[in-house]
Amino acid sequence: MNKLICVVLVSMLTAPLAFAQDRYIADKLFTYIHSGPSNQYRIIGSVDAGQKVQYLKADKDTGYTEIIDEKGRTGWVESRFVTTQESMAVRLPKLEKELADVKTQLASAKSNSDNEKAGLIESLDSRNQQISELEQNYSEISKKLTTSQSEIRNLRARIDTQKEDLLMKYFMYGGGVAGGGLIFGLLLPHLIPRRKKKHPGWAN
């Protein structure tokens, strides 16, 4: 029987803890914990703003909420000072950490962007240099081609001139040979002495 009573007492004491929910005391507040659901009950302690407490139940008639504070004390505080939102003391470090993470991500993204930009600029400079070299090579080749074409024209002109000179020489040589032959043909009869014909009546 005694064991049964002990079990019932333990169950009664631990049952509120099983249904306890996390709550927070509103920021910028200092409030007392009362032993009952109104300020008529004696003060058993106090809780600071932002302190985490466990919610047990609320008394709508009196506007008080039963809580368990961080020291394990069970008492009542005004319901309007109990909120489900974490206090700034808890949220601020989280927000600062999130902000630091975002800044780190932004810095990393900026670094990656700068690296990509630098790579693109380097690639663009390399392409521009290659284009400049190609243009320079093309200019040199064009100059060489122009020079070669000019030399070819000069050579062709010289060849044509040499042909004309050669034809003129052949013509003059042929004319000279022909003229010499004609003159030689005219002079030849005068150079060879004619034999005198003997008259038949003349004596030897």
N, C-alpha and C. Protein backbone atom coordinates (compact mmCIF):
# COMPACT_ATOMS: atom_id res chain seq x y z
N MET A 1 0.83 -1.21 0.00
CA MET A 1 0.00 0.00 0.00
C MET A 1 0.87 1.26 0.00
N ASN A 2 1.90 1.22 0.83
CA ASN A 2 2.80 2.37 0.88
C ASN A 2 3.48 2.59 -0.46
N LYS A 3 3.85 1.48 -1.12
CA LYS A 3 4.49 1.60 -2.44
C LYS A 3 3.55 2.23 -3.44
N LEU A 4 2.28 1.85 -3.41
CA LEU A 4 1.29 2.40 -4.32
C LEU A 4 1.14 3.90 -4.11
N ILE A 5 1.13 4.32 -2.85
CA ILE A 5 1.00 5.74 -2.54
C ILE A 5 2.22 6.51 -3.05
N CYS A 6 3.37 5.90 -2.87
CA CYS A 6 4.60 6.56 -3.36
C CYS A 6 4.58 6.73 -4.87
N VAL A 7 4.12 5.69 -5.59
CA VAL A 7 4.05 5.75 -7.04
C VAL A 7 3.09 6.83 -7.49
N VAL A 8 1.94 6.92 -6.79
CA VAL A 8 0.96 7.94 -7.15
C VAL A 8 1.52 9.33 -6.90
N LEU A 9 2.22 9.51 -5.79
CA LEU A 9 2.79 10.83 -5.47
C LEU A 9 3.86 11.22 -6.49
N VAL A 10 4.70 10.26 -6.84
CA VAL A 10 5.75 10.54 -7.84
C VAL A 10 5.12 10.90 -9.17
N SER A 11 4.06 10.17 -9.55
CA SER A 11 3.37 10.45 -10.82
C SER A 11 2.76 11.83 -10.81
N MET A 12 2.21 12.22 -9.70
CA MET A 12 1.59 13.54 -9.61
C MET A 12 2.65 14.65 -9.72
N LEU A 13 3.83 14.38 -9.15
CA LEU A 13 4.87 15.40 -9.18
C LEU A 13 5.53 15.51 -10.54
N THR A 14 5.68 14.37 -11.22
CA THR A 14 6.38 14.37 -12.52
C THR A 14 5.46 14.64 -13.69
N ALA A 15 4.15 14.49 -13.51
CA ALA A 15 3.21 14.70 -14.62
C ALA A 15 3.29 16.10 -15.18
N PRO A 16 3.33 17.15 -14.36
CA PRO A 16 3.45 18.50 -14.95
C PRO A 16 4.71 18.66 -15.77
N LEU A 17 5.81 17.98 -15.34
CA LEU A 17 7.05 18.10 -16.09
C LEU A 17 6.94 17.47 -17.47
N ALA A 18 6.14 16.42 -17.58
CA ALA A 18 5.99 15.73 -18.87
C ALA A 18 5.30 16.63 -19.89
N PHE A 19 4.44 17.51 -19.42
CA PHE A 19 3.70 18.39 -20.33
C PHE A 19 4.34 19.78 -20.42
N ALA A 20 5.48 19.95 -19.78
CA ALA A 20 6.14 21.26 -19.78
C ALA A 20 6.63 21.60 -21.18
N GLN A 21 6.47 22.87 -21.59
CA GLN A 21 6.92 23.37 -22.89
C GLN A 21 7.85 24.56 -22.67
N ASP A 22 8.78 24.72 -23.60
CA ASP A 22 9.73 25.83 -23.48
C ASP A 22 9.04 27.15 -23.76
N ARG A 23 9.31 28.12 -22.93
CA ARG A 23 8.85 29.49 -23.11
C ARG A 23 9.99 30.41 -22.70
N TYR A 24 9.82 31.72 -22.97
CA TYR A 24 10.84 32.71 -22.64
C TYR A 24 10.18 33.91 -21.98
N ILE A 25 10.88 34.49 -21.03
CA ILE A 25 10.41 35.72 -20.41
C ILE A 25 10.76 36.87 -21.35
N ALA A 26 9.77 37.73 -21.64
CA ALA A 26 9.93 38.80 -22.62
C ALA A 26 11.14 39.67 -22.26
N ASP A 27 11.76 40.22 -23.32
CA ASP A 27 12.94 41.07 -23.13
C ASP A 27 12.57 42.35 -22.38
N LYS A 28 13.62 42.97 -21.83
CA LYS A 28 13.49 44.24 -21.11
C LYS A 28 12.47 44.12 -19.98
N LEU A 29 12.63 43.04 -19.22
CA LEU A 29 11.64 42.82 -18.16
C LEU A 29 12.32 42.15 -16.97
N PHE A 30 11.86 42.54 -15.79
CA PHE A 30 12.23 41.85 -14.55
C PHE A 30 10.92 41.60 -13.82
N THR A 31 10.63 40.34 -13.56
CA THR A 31 9.34 40.04 -12.93
C THR A 31 9.52 39.03 -11.81
N TYR A 32 8.58 39.05 -10.90
CA TYR A 32 8.64 38.15 -9.76
C TYR A 32 7.89 36.86 -10.05
N ILE A 33 8.31 35.82 -9.35
CA ILE A 33 7.60 34.53 -9.40
C ILE A 33 6.79 34.43 -8.10
N HIS A 34 5.50 34.20 -8.27
CA HIS A 34 4.61 34.05 -7.12
C HIS A 34 4.29 32.57 -6.91
N SER A 35 3.92 32.31 -5.71
CA SER A 35 3.60 30.91 -5.39
C SER A 35 2.23 30.51 -5.89
N GLY A 36 1.41 31.47 -6.29
CA GLY A 36 0.09 31.18 -6.82
C GLY A 36 -0.22 32.07 -8.01
N PRO A 37 -1.39 31.86 -8.66
CA PRO A 37 -1.73 32.55 -9.90
C PRO A 37 -2.24 33.98 -9.70
N SER A 38 -1.60 34.76 -8.86
CA SER A 38 -1.92 36.19 -8.74
C SER A 38 -0.82 36.83 -7.90
N ASN A 39 -0.85 38.16 -7.87
CA ASN A 39 0.17 38.86 -7.09
C ASN A 39 -0.16 38.88 -5.60
N GLN A 40 -1.26 38.25 -5.24
CA GLN A 40 -1.62 38.14 -3.84
C GLN A 40 -0.83 37.04 -3.15
N TYR A 41 -0.27 36.16 -3.94
CA TYR A 41 0.52 35.08 -3.37
C TYR A 41 1.94 35.58 -3.10
N ARG A 42 2.61 34.90 -2.23
CA ARG A 42 3.94 35.34 -1.82
C ARG A 42 4.94 35.20 -2.97
N ILE A 43 5.94 36.01 -2.95
CA ILE A 43 7.00 36.00 -3.96
C ILE A 43 8.03 34.96 -3.56
N ILE A 44 8.32 34.06 -4.49
CA ILE A 44 9.31 33.01 -4.20
C ILE A 44 10.61 33.22 -4.98
N GLY A 45 10.64 34.24 -5.79
CA GLY A 45 11.86 34.51 -6.55
C GLY A 45 11.56 35.49 -7.69
N SER A 46 12.50 35.57 -8.63
CA SER A 46 12.33 36.45 -9.80
C SER A 46 13.02 35.82 -11.01
N VAL A 47 12.59 36.29 -12.18
CA VAL A 47 13.22 35.84 -13.43
C VAL A 47 13.60 37.08 -14.24
N ASP A 48 14.72 36.96 -14.94
CA ASP A 48 15.20 38.08 -15.75
C ASP A 48 14.64 38.02 -17.17
N ALA A 49 14.71 39.14 -17.83
CA ALA A 49 14.25 39.22 -19.22
C ALA A 49 15.05 38.28 -20.10
N GLY A 50 14.35 37.57 -20.95
CA GLY A 50 14.99 36.67 -21.88
C GLY A 50 15.30 35.30 -21.32
N GLN A 51 15.05 35.10 -20.04
CA GLN A 51 15.37 33.80 -19.43
C GLN A 51 14.44 32.72 -19.96
N LYS A 52 15.02 31.54 -20.18
CA LYS A 52 14.23 30.41 -20.68
C LYS A 52 13.53 29.72 -19.50
N VAL A 53 12.24 29.47 -19.68
CA VAL A 53 11.45 28.78 -18.65
C VAL A 53 10.63 27.68 -19.31
N GLN A 54 10.07 26.82 -18.48
CA GLN A 54 9.20 25.76 -18.98
C GLN A 54 7.75 26.11 -18.64
N TYR A 55 6.94 26.04 -19.68
CA TYR A 55 5.53 26.37 -19.54
C TYR A 55 4.76 25.15 -19.04
N LEU A 56 3.96 25.36 -18.00
CA LEU A 56 3.14 24.26 -17.48
C LEU A 56 1.66 24.48 -17.82
N LYS A 57 1.12 25.61 -17.40
CA LYS A 57 -0.29 25.90 -17.70
C LYS A 57 -0.56 27.36 -17.47
N ALA A 58 -1.71 27.80 -17.98
CA ALA A 58 -2.08 29.21 -17.83
C ALA A 58 -3.45 29.31 -17.18
N ASP A 59 -3.63 30.33 -16.36
CA ASP A 59 -4.91 30.62 -15.73
C ASP A 59 -5.47 31.86 -16.40
N LYS A 60 -6.44 31.67 -17.29
CA LYS A 60 -7.00 32.78 -18.06
C LYS A 60 -7.75 33.77 -17.18
N ASP A 61 -8.30 33.29 -16.08
CA ASP A 61 -9.08 34.17 -15.23
C ASP A 61 -8.20 35.20 -14.53
N THR A 62 -7.04 34.76 -14.07
CA THR A 62 -6.15 35.67 -13.34
C THR A 62 -5.09 36.28 -14.25
N GLY A 63 -4.87 35.70 -15.44
CA GLY A 63 -3.84 36.22 -16.34
C GLY A 63 -2.44 35.84 -15.91
N TYR A 64 -2.29 34.71 -15.23
CA TYR A 64 -1.00 34.23 -14.79
C TYR A 64 -0.69 32.88 -15.43
N THR A 65 0.59 32.59 -15.57
CA THR A 65 1.04 31.34 -16.18
C THR A 65 1.99 30.64 -15.22
N GLU A 66 1.80 29.35 -15.09
CA GLU A 66 2.68 28.55 -14.22
C GLU A 66 3.89 28.11 -15.03
N ILE A 67 5.08 28.36 -14.45
CA ILE A 67 6.33 28.02 -15.16
C ILE A 67 7.33 27.36 -14.20
N ILE A 68 8.36 26.78 -14.80
CA ILE A 68 9.50 26.28 -14.04
C ILE A 68 10.71 27.04 -14.57
N ASP A 69 11.41 27.74 -13.68
CA ASP A 69 12.55 28.54 -14.16
C ASP A 69 13.81 27.69 -14.27
N GLU A 70 14.92 28.33 -14.62
CA GLU A 70 16.16 27.60 -14.85
C GLU A 70 16.74 27.02 -13.56
N LYS A 71 16.30 27.55 -12.42
CA LYS A 71 16.76 27.03 -11.13
C LYS A 71 15.89 25.88 -10.63
N GLY A 72 14.86 25.52 -11.44
CA GLY A 72 13.99 24.42 -11.05
C GLY A 72 12.84 24.82 -10.16
N ARG A 73 12.65 26.13 -9.98
CA ARG A 73 11.55 26.60 -9.13
C ARG A 73 10.26 26.65 -9.92
N THR A 74 9.19 26.21 -9.32
CA THR A 74 7.87 26.25 -9.94
C THR A 74 7.10 27.41 -9.33
N GLY A 75 6.54 28.27 -10.21
CA GLY A 75 5.80 29.42 -9.72
C GLY A 75 4.96 30.03 -10.82
N TRP A 76 4.38 31.20 -10.50
CA TRP A 76 3.48 31.85 -11.43
C TRP A 76 3.99 33.25 -11.77
N VAL A 77 3.88 33.58 -13.07
CA VAL A 77 4.22 34.93 -13.54
C VAL A 77 3.09 35.41 -14.44
N GLU A 78 3.05 36.74 -14.64
CA GLU A 78 1.99 37.27 -15.50
C GLU A 78 2.13 36.72 -16.93
N SER A 79 1.03 36.29 -17.50
CA SER A 79 1.04 35.64 -18.83
C SER A 79 1.54 36.58 -19.92
N ARG A 80 1.29 37.89 -19.75
CA ARG A 80 1.69 38.82 -20.80
C ARG A 80 3.20 38.95 -20.92
N PHE A 81 3.92 38.44 -19.91
CA PHE A 81 5.37 38.49 -19.95
C PHE A 81 6.00 37.18 -20.45
N VAL A 82 5.14 36.24 -20.83
CA VAL A 82 5.63 34.93 -21.31
C VAL A 82 5.40 34.86 -22.81
N THR A 83 6.43 34.51 -23.54
CA THR A 83 6.33 34.46 -25.00
C THR A 83 7.00 33.20 -25.54
N THR A 84 6.58 32.82 -26.75
CA THR A 84 7.18 31.64 -27.39
C THR A 84 8.44 31.99 -28.17
N GLN A 85 8.69 33.28 -28.31
CA GLN A 85 9.84 33.73 -29.10
C GLN A 85 11.08 33.80 -28.22
N GLU A 86 12.20 33.34 -28.79
CA GLU A 86 13.45 33.40 -28.06
C GLU A 86 13.81 34.84 -27.75
N SER A 87 14.51 35.03 -26.67
CA SER A 87 14.92 36.37 -26.31
C SER A 87 16.03 36.86 -27.23
N MET A 88 16.23 38.18 -27.23
CA MET A 88 17.29 38.76 -28.04
C MET A 88 18.65 38.25 -27.59
N ALA A 89 18.78 37.97 -26.29
CA ALA A 89 20.05 37.45 -25.79
C ALA A 89 20.40 36.12 -26.43
N VAL A 90 19.36 35.35 -26.79
CA VAL A 90 19.58 34.06 -27.46
C VAL A 90 19.64 34.24 -28.97
N ARG A 91 18.75 35.11 -29.48
CA ARG A 91 18.67 35.26 -30.93
C ARG A 91 19.85 36.04 -31.51
N LEU A 92 20.34 37.02 -30.74
CA LEU A 92 21.40 37.88 -31.27
C LEU A 92 22.65 37.10 -31.67
N PRO A 93 23.17 36.19 -30.83
CA PRO A 93 24.34 35.42 -31.28
C PRO A 93 24.05 34.60 -32.54
N LYS A 94 22.83 34.04 -32.62
CA LYS A 94 22.47 33.27 -33.81
C LYS A 94 22.44 34.17 -35.05
N LEU A 95 21.81 35.37 -34.85
CA LEU A 95 21.75 36.31 -35.97
C LEU A 95 23.15 36.77 -36.38
N GLU A 96 23.99 37.01 -35.38
CA GLU A 96 25.36 37.43 -35.68
C GLU A 96 26.11 36.32 -36.42
N LYS A 97 25.88 35.07 -36.00
CA LYS A 97 26.53 33.95 -36.68
C LYS A 97 26.01 33.83 -38.12
N GLU A 98 24.69 33.96 -38.27
CA GLU A 98 24.12 33.91 -39.62
C GLU A 98 24.69 35.04 -40.48
N LEU A 99 24.79 36.23 -39.88
CA LEU A 99 25.34 37.37 -40.61
C LEU A 99 26.79 37.11 -41.00
N ALA A 100 27.56 36.54 -40.06
CA ALA A 100 28.96 36.22 -40.36
C ALA A 100 29.05 35.19 -41.48
N ASP A 101 28.15 34.18 -41.43
CA ASP A 101 28.14 33.15 -42.49
C ASP A 101 27.81 33.77 -43.84
N VAL A 102 26.81 34.67 -43.83
CA VAL A 102 26.43 35.33 -45.09
C VAL A 102 27.58 36.18 -45.62
N LYS A 103 28.24 36.89 -44.70
CA LYS A 103 29.39 37.71 -45.13
C LYS A 103 30.49 36.83 -45.70
N THR A 104 30.71 35.68 -45.06
CA THR A 104 31.74 34.75 -45.56
C THR A 104 31.37 34.24 -46.94
N GLN A 105 30.09 33.89 -47.11
CA GLN A 105 29.63 33.41 -48.41
C GLN A 105 29.76 34.50 -49.46
N LEU A 106 29.40 35.74 -49.07
CA LEU A 106 29.53 36.86 -50.01
C LEU A 106 30.99 37.10 -50.38
N ALA A 107 31.86 37.02 -49.36
CA ALA A 107 33.29 37.22 -49.63
C ALA A 107 33.82 36.12 -50.55
N SER A 108 33.36 34.88 -50.28
CA SER A 108 33.79 33.76 -51.13
C SER A 108 33.27 33.93 -52.55
N ALA A 109 31.99 34.34 -52.65
CA ALA A 109 31.41 34.55 -53.98
C ALA A 109 32.13 35.68 -54.71
N LYS A 110 32.46 36.75 -53.97
CA LYS A 110 33.19 37.88 -54.58
C LYS A 110 34.58 37.44 -55.03
N SER A 111 35.23 36.62 -54.17
CA SER A 111 36.55 36.12 -54.53
C SER A 111 36.49 35.26 -55.78
N ASN A 112 35.48 34.37 -55.82
CA ASN A 112 35.32 33.53 -57.01
C ASN A 112 35.02 34.37 -58.24
N SER A 113 34.16 35.39 -58.03
CA SER A 113 33.83 36.27 -59.15
C SER A 113 35.06 37.03 -59.64
N ASP A 114 35.87 37.51 -58.67
CA ASP A 114 37.09 38.23 -59.04
C ASP A 114 38.06 37.32 -59.78
N ASN A 115 38.16 36.07 -59.29
CA ASN A 115 39.06 35.11 -59.95
C ASN A 115 38.58 34.81 -61.37
N GLU A 116 37.26 34.60 -61.50
CA GLU A 116 36.71 34.34 -62.84
C GLU A 116 36.91 35.56 -63.74
N LYS A 117 36.69 36.76 -63.17
CA LYS A 117 36.87 37.98 -63.94
C LYS A 117 38.33 38.12 -64.38
N ALA A 118 39.25 37.85 -63.42
CA ALA A 118 40.68 37.93 -63.75
C ALA A 118 41.04 36.91 -64.82
N GLY A 119 40.45 35.70 -64.71
CA GLY A 119 40.71 34.68 -65.73
C GLY A 119 40.19 35.10 -67.09
N LEU A 120 39.00 35.70 -67.11
CA LEU A 120 38.43 36.15 -68.37
C LEU A 120 39.27 37.29 -68.97
N ILE A 121 39.71 38.22 -68.10
CA ILE A 121 40.55 39.32 -68.58
C ILE A 121 41.86 38.79 -69.13
N GLU A 122 42.45 37.83 -68.41
CA GLU A 122 43.71 37.24 -68.89
C GLU A 122 43.50 36.52 -70.22
N SER A 123 42.39 35.77 -70.31
CA SER A 123 42.09 35.09 -71.57
C SER A 123 41.86 36.09 -72.69
N LEU A 124 41.14 37.19 -72.37
CA LEU A 124 40.88 38.21 -73.38
C LEU A 124 42.17 38.88 -73.82
N ASP A 125 43.06 39.17 -72.86
CA ASP A 125 44.35 39.77 -73.21
C ASP A 125 45.16 38.83 -74.09
N SER A 126 45.11 37.53 -73.75
CA SER A 126 45.84 36.55 -74.56
C SER A 126 45.27 36.49 -75.97
N ARG A 127 43.94 36.50 -76.08
CA ARG A 127 43.31 36.48 -77.41
C ARG A 127 43.67 37.74 -78.18
N ASN A 128 43.63 38.90 -77.51
CA ASN A 128 43.98 40.15 -78.19
C ASN A 128 45.43 40.13 -78.66
N GLN A 129 46.30 39.57 -77.83
CA GLN A 129 47.71 39.47 -78.22
C GLN A 129 47.87 38.56 -79.44
N GLN A 130 47.14 37.43 -79.42
CA GLN A 130 47.20 36.52 -80.57
C GLN A 130 46.67 37.20 -81.83
N ILE A 131 45.58 37.96 -81.67
CA ILE A 131 45.02 38.67 -82.83
C ILE A 131 46.01 39.70 -83.33
N SER A 132 46.67 40.41 -82.40
CA SER A 132 47.66 41.41 -82.79
C SER A 132 48.82 40.76 -83.54
N GLU A 133 49.28 39.61 -83.04
CA GLU A 133 50.37 38.90 -83.72
C GLU A 133 49.94 38.43 -85.10
N LEU A 134 48.71 37.93 -85.20
CA LEU A 134 48.21 37.48 -86.49
C LEU A 134 48.11 38.65 -87.47
N GLU A 135 47.61 39.79 -86.96
CA GLU A 135 47.52 40.98 -87.82
C GLU A 135 48.90 41.43 -88.27
N GLN A 136 49.88 41.38 -87.35
CA GLN A 136 51.24 41.77 -87.71
C GLN A 136 51.82 40.81 -88.75
N ASN A 137 51.59 39.50 -88.51
CA ASN A 137 52.07 38.51 -89.49
C ASN A 137 51.40 38.71 -90.84
N TYR A 138 50.10 39.01 -90.81
CA TYR A 138 49.37 39.23 -92.06
C TYR A 138 49.92 40.45 -92.77
N SER A 139 50.24 41.52 -91.99
CA SER A 139 50.80 42.73 -92.60
C SER A 139 52.16 42.43 -93.24
N GLU A 140 52.99 41.66 -92.53
CA GLU A 140 54.30 41.32 -93.08
C GLU A 140 54.16 40.46 -94.34
N ILE A 141 53.24 39.49 -94.26
CA ILE A 141 53.02 38.63 -95.43
C ILE A 141 52.50 39.45 -96.60
N SER A 142 51.60 40.40 -96.31
CA SER A 142 51.07 41.26 -97.38
C SER A 142 52.19 42.09 -98.01
N LYS A 143 53.09 42.62 -97.15
CA LYS A 143 54.20 43.39 -97.69
C LYS A 143 55.11 42.51 -98.55
N LYS A 144 55.40 41.30 -98.05
CA LYS A 144 56.23 40.38 -98.82
C LYS A 144 55.56 40.01 -100.14
N LEU A 145 54.25 39.81 -100.09
CA LEU A 145 53.51 39.47 -101.30
C LEU A 145 53.56 40.62 -102.30
N THR A 146 53.37 41.85 -101.78
CA THR A 146 53.44 43.02 -102.66
C THR A 146 54.83 43.16 -103.29
N THR A 147 55.86 42.94 -102.45
CA THR A 147 57.23 43.02 -102.95
C THR A 147 57.49 41.94 -103.99
N SER A 148 57.01 40.72 -103.71
CA SER A 148 57.19 39.62 -104.66
C SER A 148 56.47 39.90 -105.97
N GLN A 149 55.25 40.43 -105.88
CA GLN A 149 54.50 40.75 -107.10
C GLN A 149 55.22 41.83 -107.91
N SER A 150 55.79 42.83 -107.19
CA SER A 150 56.54 43.88 -107.89
C SER A 150 57.78 43.30 -108.56
N GLU A 151 58.49 42.41 -107.85
CA GLU A 151 59.66 41.79 -108.44
C GLU A 151 59.29 40.93 -109.65
N ILE A 152 58.17 40.23 -109.55
CA ILE A 152 57.71 39.41 -110.68
C ILE A 152 57.39 40.28 -111.88
N ARG A 153 56.73 41.43 -111.64
CA ARG A 153 56.43 42.33 -112.75
C ARG A 153 57.71 42.86 -113.39
N ASN A 154 58.67 43.22 -112.54
CA ASN A 154 59.94 43.71 -113.07
C ASN A 154 60.66 42.63 -113.88
N LEU A 155 60.66 41.40 -113.36
CA LEU A 155 61.30 40.31 -114.07
C LEU A 155 60.61 40.04 -115.41
N ARG A 156 59.28 40.07 -115.40
CA ARG A 156 58.55 39.86 -116.66
C ARG A 156 58.89 40.98 -117.66
N ALA A 157 58.95 42.22 -117.13
CA ALA A 157 59.29 43.34 -118.02
C ALA A 157 60.68 43.16 -118.59
N ARG A 158 61.63 42.73 -117.76
CA ARG A 158 62.99 42.49 -118.24
C ARG A 158 63.03 41.37 -119.26
N ILE A 159 62.24 40.31 -118.98
CA ILE A 159 62.19 39.19 -119.94
C ILE A 159 61.63 39.67 -121.27
N ASP A 160 60.55 40.47 -121.21
CA ASP A 160 59.96 40.98 -122.45
C ASP A 160 60.98 41.86 -123.20
N THR A 161 61.70 42.69 -122.42
CA THR A 161 62.70 43.56 -123.04
C THR A 161 63.82 42.74 -123.68
N GLN A 162 64.26 41.71 -122.94
CA GLN A 162 65.31 40.84 -123.48
C GLN A 162 64.83 40.12 -124.73
N LYS A 163 63.57 39.72 -124.73
CA LYS A 163 63.03 39.08 -125.94
C LYS A 163 63.07 40.04 -127.12
N GLU A 164 62.62 41.27 -126.85
CA GLU A 164 62.62 42.26 -127.92
C GLU A 164 64.05 42.54 -128.40
N ASP A 165 64.98 42.65 -127.44
CA ASP A 165 66.38 42.88 -127.82
C ASP A 165 66.93 41.70 -128.63
N LEU A 166 66.58 40.50 -128.19
CA LEU A 166 67.06 39.31 -128.90
C LEU A 166 66.49 39.24 -130.30
N LEU A 167 65.19 39.56 -130.42
CA LEU A 167 64.58 39.56 -131.75
C LEU A 167 65.22 40.63 -132.64
N MET A 168 65.48 41.79 -132.01
CA MET A 168 66.12 42.85 -132.77
C MET A 168 67.52 42.43 -133.22
N LYS A 169 68.23 41.76 -132.35
CA LYS A 169 69.57 41.28 -132.71
C LYS A 169 69.50 40.25 -133.84
N TYR A 170 68.53 39.34 -133.69
CA TYR A 170 68.36 38.33 -134.75
C TYR A 170 67.99 39.01 -136.08
N PHE A 171 67.10 39.99 -135.96
CA PHE A 171 66.69 40.70 -137.18
C PHE A 171 67.87 41.43 -137.81
N MET A 172 68.64 42.12 -136.96
CA MET A 172 69.79 42.85 -137.49
C MET A 172 70.85 41.89 -138.01
N TYR A 173 71.02 40.78 -137.29
CA TYR A 173 72.00 39.80 -137.75
C TYR A 173 71.56 39.20 -139.09
N GLY A 174 70.28 38.85 -139.18
CA GLY A 174 69.76 38.29 -140.44
C GLY A 174 69.84 39.31 -141.57
N GLY A 175 69.50 40.57 -141.23
CA GLY A 175 69.58 41.62 -142.25
C GLY A 175 71.02 41.83 -142.69
N GLY A 176 71.94 41.78 -141.72
CA GLY A 176 73.34 41.95 -142.07
C GLY A 176 73.85 40.82 -142.95
N VAL A 177 73.45 39.61 -142.59
CA VAL A 177 73.87 38.46 -143.42
C VAL A 177 73.30 38.59 -144.81
N ALA A 178 72.01 38.95 -144.87
CA ALA A 178 71.39 39.08 -146.20
C ALA A 178 72.05 40.20 -146.99
N GLY A 179 72.30 41.33 -146.32
CA GLY A 179 72.93 42.45 -147.02
C GLY A 179 74.35 42.10 -147.46
N GLY A 180 75.08 41.40 -146.60
CA GLY A 180 76.42 40.99 -146.95
C GLY A 180 76.44 40.03 -148.12
N GLY A 181 75.48 39.13 -148.12
CA GLY A 181 75.38 38.17 -149.23
C GLY A 181 75.07 38.87 -150.54
N LEU A 182 74.19 39.89 -150.45
CA LEU A 182 73.82 40.63 -151.66
C LEU A 182 75.03 41.39 -152.18
N ILE A 183 75.70 42.03 -151.28
CA ILE A 183 76.89 42.79 -151.71
C ILE A 183 77.95 41.84 -152.26
N PHE A 184 78.13 40.74 -151.55
CA PHE A 184 79.12 39.77 -152.03
C PHE A 184 78.73 39.23 -153.40
N GLY A 185 77.44 39.00 -153.59
CA GLY A 185 76.97 38.52 -154.90
C GLY A 185 77.20 39.53 -156.00
N LEU A 186 77.08 40.80 -155.67
CA LEU A 186 77.31 41.85 -156.67
C LEU A 186 78.79 42.03 -156.97
N LEU A 187 79.60 41.85 -155.94
CA LEU A 187 81.03 42.05 -156.13
C LEU A 187 81.73 40.82 -156.71
N LEU A 188 81.17 39.70 -156.53
CA LEU A 188 81.82 38.47 -156.96
C LEU A 188 82.13 38.45 -158.45
N PRO A 189 81.24 38.84 -159.33
CA PRO A 189 81.58 38.81 -160.77
C PRO A 189 82.74 39.73 -161.11
N HIS A 190 82.90 40.78 -160.40
CA HIS A 190 83.99 41.70 -160.66
C HIS A 190 85.30 41.19 -160.11
N LEU A 191 85.21 40.35 -159.15
CA LEU A 191 86.43 39.84 -158.55
C LEU A 191 87.02 38.68 -159.35
N ILE A 192 86.22 37.93 -160.02
CA ILE A 192 86.69 36.79 -160.83
C ILE A 192 87.00 37.31 -162.23
N PRO A 193 88.26 37.15 -162.74
CA PRO A 193 88.61 37.63 -164.11
C PRO A 193 87.95 36.79 -165.18
N ARG A 194 87.50 37.48 -166.18
CA ARG A 194 86.87 36.78 -167.31
C ARG A 194 87.93 36.30 -168.31
N ARG A 195 87.72 35.12 -168.85
CA ARG A 195 88.59 34.61 -169.93
C ARG A 195 88.18 35.23 -171.27
N LYS A 196 89.20 35.65 -171.96
CA LYS A 196 88.95 36.23 -173.28
C LYS A 196 88.70 35.12 -174.29
N LYS A 197 87.66 35.29 -175.04
CA LYS A 197 87.33 34.29 -176.09
C LYS A 197 88.22 34.53 -177.33
N LYS A 198 88.80 33.44 -177.83
CA LYS A 198 89.64 33.49 -179.03
C LYS A 198 88.75 33.55 -180.28
N HIS A 199 89.16 34.42 -181.16
CA HIS A 199 88.42 34.52 -182.41
C HIS A 199 88.81 33.38 -183.32
N PRO A 200 87.97 32.77 -184.03
CA PRO A 200 88.34 31.61 -184.83
C PRO A 200 89.32 31.97 -185.95
N GLY A 201 89.33 33.14 -186.37
CA GLY A 201 90.22 33.47 -187.48
C GLY A 201 91.60 33.85 -187.05
N TRP A 202 91.81 33.97 -185.85
CA TRP A 202 93.12 34.40 -185.40
C TRP A 202 94.06 33.22 -185.37
N ALA A 203 95.30 33.54 -185.72
CA ALA A 203 96.30 32.46 -185.72
C ALA A 203 96.88 32.32 -184.37
N ASN A 204 97.41 31.09 -184.18
CA ASN A 204 98.01 30.83 -182.87
C ASN A 204 99.36 31.46 -182.81
